[in-house]
């Protein structure tokens, strides 16, 4: 996956990403292995722009 690329909900699910419910963040957060992916919902609410990937350990600190 590449930063600033657009992905559909179906593509995210097919990639093996697991959504994590979070509070106080206006983003969709997905986990996959040791990485945390942050997606910005686009206006159509069916597409998402990947804007950040961090290490899972950093996310839970």
N, C-alpha and C. Protein backbone atom coordinates (compact mmCIF):
# COMPACT_ATOMS: atom_id res chain seq x y z
N UNK A 1 0.83 -1.17 0.00
CA UNK A 1 0.00 0.00 0.00
C UNK A 1 0.88 1.25 0.00
N UNK A 2 0.40 2.28 -0.67
CA UNK A 2 1.18 3.51 -0.80
C UNK A 2 0.45 4.69 -0.16
N UNK A 3 1.22 5.55 0.47
CA UNK A 3 0.68 6.77 1.05
C UNK A 3 0.05 7.61 -0.06
N UNK A 4 -1.07 8.24 0.23
CA UNK A 4 -1.85 9.12 -0.65
C UNK A 4 -2.60 8.38 -1.76
N UNK A 5 -2.54 7.06 -1.78
CA UNK A 5 -3.37 6.32 -2.73
C UNK A 5 -4.77 6.16 -2.15
N UNK A 6 -5.74 5.94 -3.03
CA UNK A 6 -7.14 5.80 -2.65
C UNK A 6 -7.51 4.31 -2.69
N UNK A 7 -8.22 3.86 -1.66
CA UNK A 7 -8.62 2.46 -1.55
C UNK A 7 -10.10 2.37 -1.21
N UNK A 8 -10.75 1.36 -1.72
CA UNK A 8 -12.16 1.12 -1.39
C UNK A 8 -12.23 0.24 -0.14
N UNK A 9 -13.39 0.20 0.48
CA UNK A 9 -13.60 -0.64 1.66
C UNK A 9 -13.29 -2.10 1.32
N UNK A 10 -13.71 -2.53 0.15
CA UNK A 10 -13.49 -3.91 -0.27
C UNK A 10 -12.00 -4.22 -0.41
N UNK A 11 -11.23 -3.28 -0.96
CA UNK A 11 -9.77 -3.47 -1.10
C UNK A 11 -9.10 -3.60 0.26
N UNK A 12 -9.56 -2.81 1.21
CA UNK A 12 -8.99 -2.88 2.56
C UNK A 12 -9.25 -4.24 3.19
N UNK A 13 -10.46 -4.73 3.06
CA UNK A 13 -10.81 -6.04 3.61
C UNK A 13 -10.03 -7.15 2.92
N UNK A 14 -9.88 -7.07 1.61
CA UNK A 14 -9.16 -8.09 0.85
C UNK A 14 -7.67 -8.09 1.15
N UNK A 15 -7.15 -6.95 1.64
CA UNK A 15 -5.73 -6.84 1.96
C UNK A 15 -5.40 -7.46 3.31
N UNK A 16 -6.41 -7.92 4.02
CA UNK A 16 -6.18 -8.54 5.32
C UNK A 16 -6.09 -7.54 6.46
N UNK A 17 -6.48 -6.31 6.21
CA UNK A 17 -6.47 -5.30 7.25
C UNK A 17 -7.67 -5.50 8.17
N UNK A 18 -7.43 -5.30 9.47
CA UNK A 18 -8.49 -5.45 10.46
C UNK A 18 -8.75 -4.07 11.07
N UNK A 19 -10.01 -3.63 10.99
CA UNK A 19 -10.34 -2.30 11.51
C UNK A 19 -10.30 -2.29 13.03
N UNK A 20 -9.77 -1.21 13.56
CA UNK A 20 -9.68 -0.99 15.01
C UNK A 20 -10.54 0.22 15.35
N UNK A 21 -11.47 0.06 16.27
CA UNK A 21 -12.30 1.16 16.71
C UNK A 21 -11.48 2.06 17.63
N UNK A 22 -11.42 3.35 17.32
CA UNK A 22 -10.67 4.30 18.12
C UNK A 22 -11.53 5.51 18.42
N UNK A 23 -11.21 6.18 19.51
CA UNK A 23 -11.91 7.40 19.91
C UNK A 23 -11.03 8.60 19.61
N UNK A 24 -11.65 9.73 19.40
CA UNK A 24 -10.96 11.01 19.25
C UNK A 24 -10.05 11.12 18.05
N UNK A 25 -10.23 10.26 17.06
CA UNK A 25 -9.46 10.36 15.81
C UNK A 25 -10.46 10.33 14.67
N UNK A 26 -10.41 11.32 13.82
CA UNK A 26 -11.30 11.36 12.67
C UNK A 26 -10.66 10.61 11.50
N UNK A 27 -10.50 9.31 11.70
CA UNK A 27 -9.87 8.48 10.68
C UNK A 27 -10.30 7.03 10.89
N UNK A 28 -10.12 6.24 9.86
CA UNK A 28 -10.29 4.80 9.98
C UNK A 28 -8.91 4.24 10.29
N UNK A 29 -8.83 3.40 11.29
CA UNK A 29 -7.56 2.82 11.71
C UNK A 29 -7.64 1.31 11.48
N UNK A 30 -6.63 0.79 10.78
CA UNK A 30 -6.57 -0.63 10.48
C UNK A 30 -5.24 -1.20 10.93
N UNK A 31 -5.28 -2.44 11.40
CA UNK A 31 -4.08 -3.15 11.83
C UNK A 31 -3.78 -4.28 10.86
N UNK A 32 -2.48 -4.52 10.67
CA UNK A 32 -2.02 -5.66 9.89
C UNK A 32 -0.63 -6.00 10.36
N UNK A 33 -0.51 -7.08 11.10
CA UNK A 33 0.80 -7.46 11.63
C UNK A 33 1.31 -6.42 12.59
N UNK A 34 2.50 -5.90 12.33
CA UNK A 34 3.12 -4.92 13.23
C UNK A 34 2.90 -3.49 12.77
N UNK A 35 1.98 -3.28 11.83
CA UNK A 35 1.75 -1.93 11.29
C UNK A 35 0.33 -1.45 11.55
N UNK A 36 0.22 -0.13 11.71
CA UNK A 36 -1.07 0.53 11.88
C UNK A 36 -1.24 1.50 10.72
N UNK A 37 -2.36 1.38 10.02
CA UNK A 37 -2.65 2.19 8.84
C UNK A 37 -3.76 3.19 9.17
N UNK A 38 -3.56 4.45 8.80
CA UNK A 38 -4.55 5.50 9.04
C UNK A 38 -5.12 5.95 7.69
N UNK A 39 -6.44 5.88 7.57
CA UNK A 39 -7.12 6.25 6.35
C UNK A 39 -8.08 7.40 6.61
N UNK A 40 -8.07 8.36 5.70
CA UNK A 40 -9.00 9.48 5.75
C UNK A 40 -10.21 9.13 4.89
N UNK A 41 -11.42 9.18 5.48
CA UNK A 41 -12.61 8.93 4.66
C UNK A 41 -12.81 10.06 3.65
N UNK A 42 -13.12 9.70 2.42
CA UNK A 42 -13.38 10.70 1.38
C UNK A 42 -14.87 11.02 1.35
N UNK A 43 -15.25 12.00 0.59
CA UNK A 43 -16.63 12.50 0.60
C UNK A 43 -17.66 11.45 0.20
N UNK A 44 -17.29 10.48 -0.62
CA UNK A 44 -18.27 9.46 -1.03
C UNK A 44 -18.49 8.39 0.05
N UNK A 45 -17.68 8.40 1.12
CA UNK A 45 -17.78 7.48 2.26
C UNK A 45 -17.55 6.01 1.89
N UNK A 46 -17.12 5.75 0.66
CA UNK A 46 -16.80 4.38 0.25
C UNK A 46 -15.34 4.25 -0.14
N UNK A 47 -14.64 5.36 -0.17
CA UNK A 47 -13.22 5.38 -0.52
C UNK A 47 -12.44 6.05 0.60
N UNK A 48 -11.19 5.63 0.72
CA UNK A 48 -10.34 6.12 1.80
C UNK A 48 -8.94 6.40 1.28
N UNK A 49 -8.34 7.49 1.76
CA UNK A 49 -6.97 7.85 1.37
C UNK A 49 -6.04 7.46 2.52
N UNK A 50 -5.02 6.67 2.19
CA UNK A 50 -4.03 6.28 3.17
C UNK A 50 -3.09 7.45 3.41
N UNK A 51 -3.00 7.92 4.66
CA UNK A 51 -2.15 9.08 4.92
C UNK A 51 -1.03 8.80 5.92
N UNK A 52 -1.04 7.65 6.58
CA UNK A 52 0.05 7.38 7.52
C UNK A 52 0.11 5.89 7.83
N UNK A 53 1.33 5.41 8.01
CA UNK A 53 1.57 4.05 8.47
C UNK A 53 2.60 4.14 9.58
N UNK A 54 2.27 3.58 10.74
CA UNK A 54 3.23 3.59 11.84
C UNK A 54 3.37 2.19 12.41
N UNK A 55 4.36 2.01 13.27
CA UNK A 55 4.58 0.76 13.95
C UNK A 55 3.52 0.58 15.02
N UNK A 56 2.99 -0.61 15.15
CA UNK A 56 1.94 -0.91 16.11
C UNK A 56 2.36 -0.57 17.54
N UNK A 57 3.60 -0.79 17.85
CA UNK A 57 4.11 -0.51 19.19
C UNK A 57 4.02 0.98 19.51
N UNK A 58 4.31 1.83 18.54
CA UNK A 58 4.22 3.28 18.74
C UNK A 58 2.77 3.71 18.95
N UNK A 59 1.86 3.09 18.27
CA UNK A 59 0.44 3.44 18.36
C UNK A 59 -0.11 3.18 19.75
N UNK A 60 0.29 2.11 20.39
CA UNK A 60 -0.27 1.74 21.68
C UNK A 60 0.47 2.34 22.87
N UNK A 61 1.47 3.19 22.64
CA UNK A 61 2.20 3.80 23.75
C UNK A 61 1.39 4.84 24.46
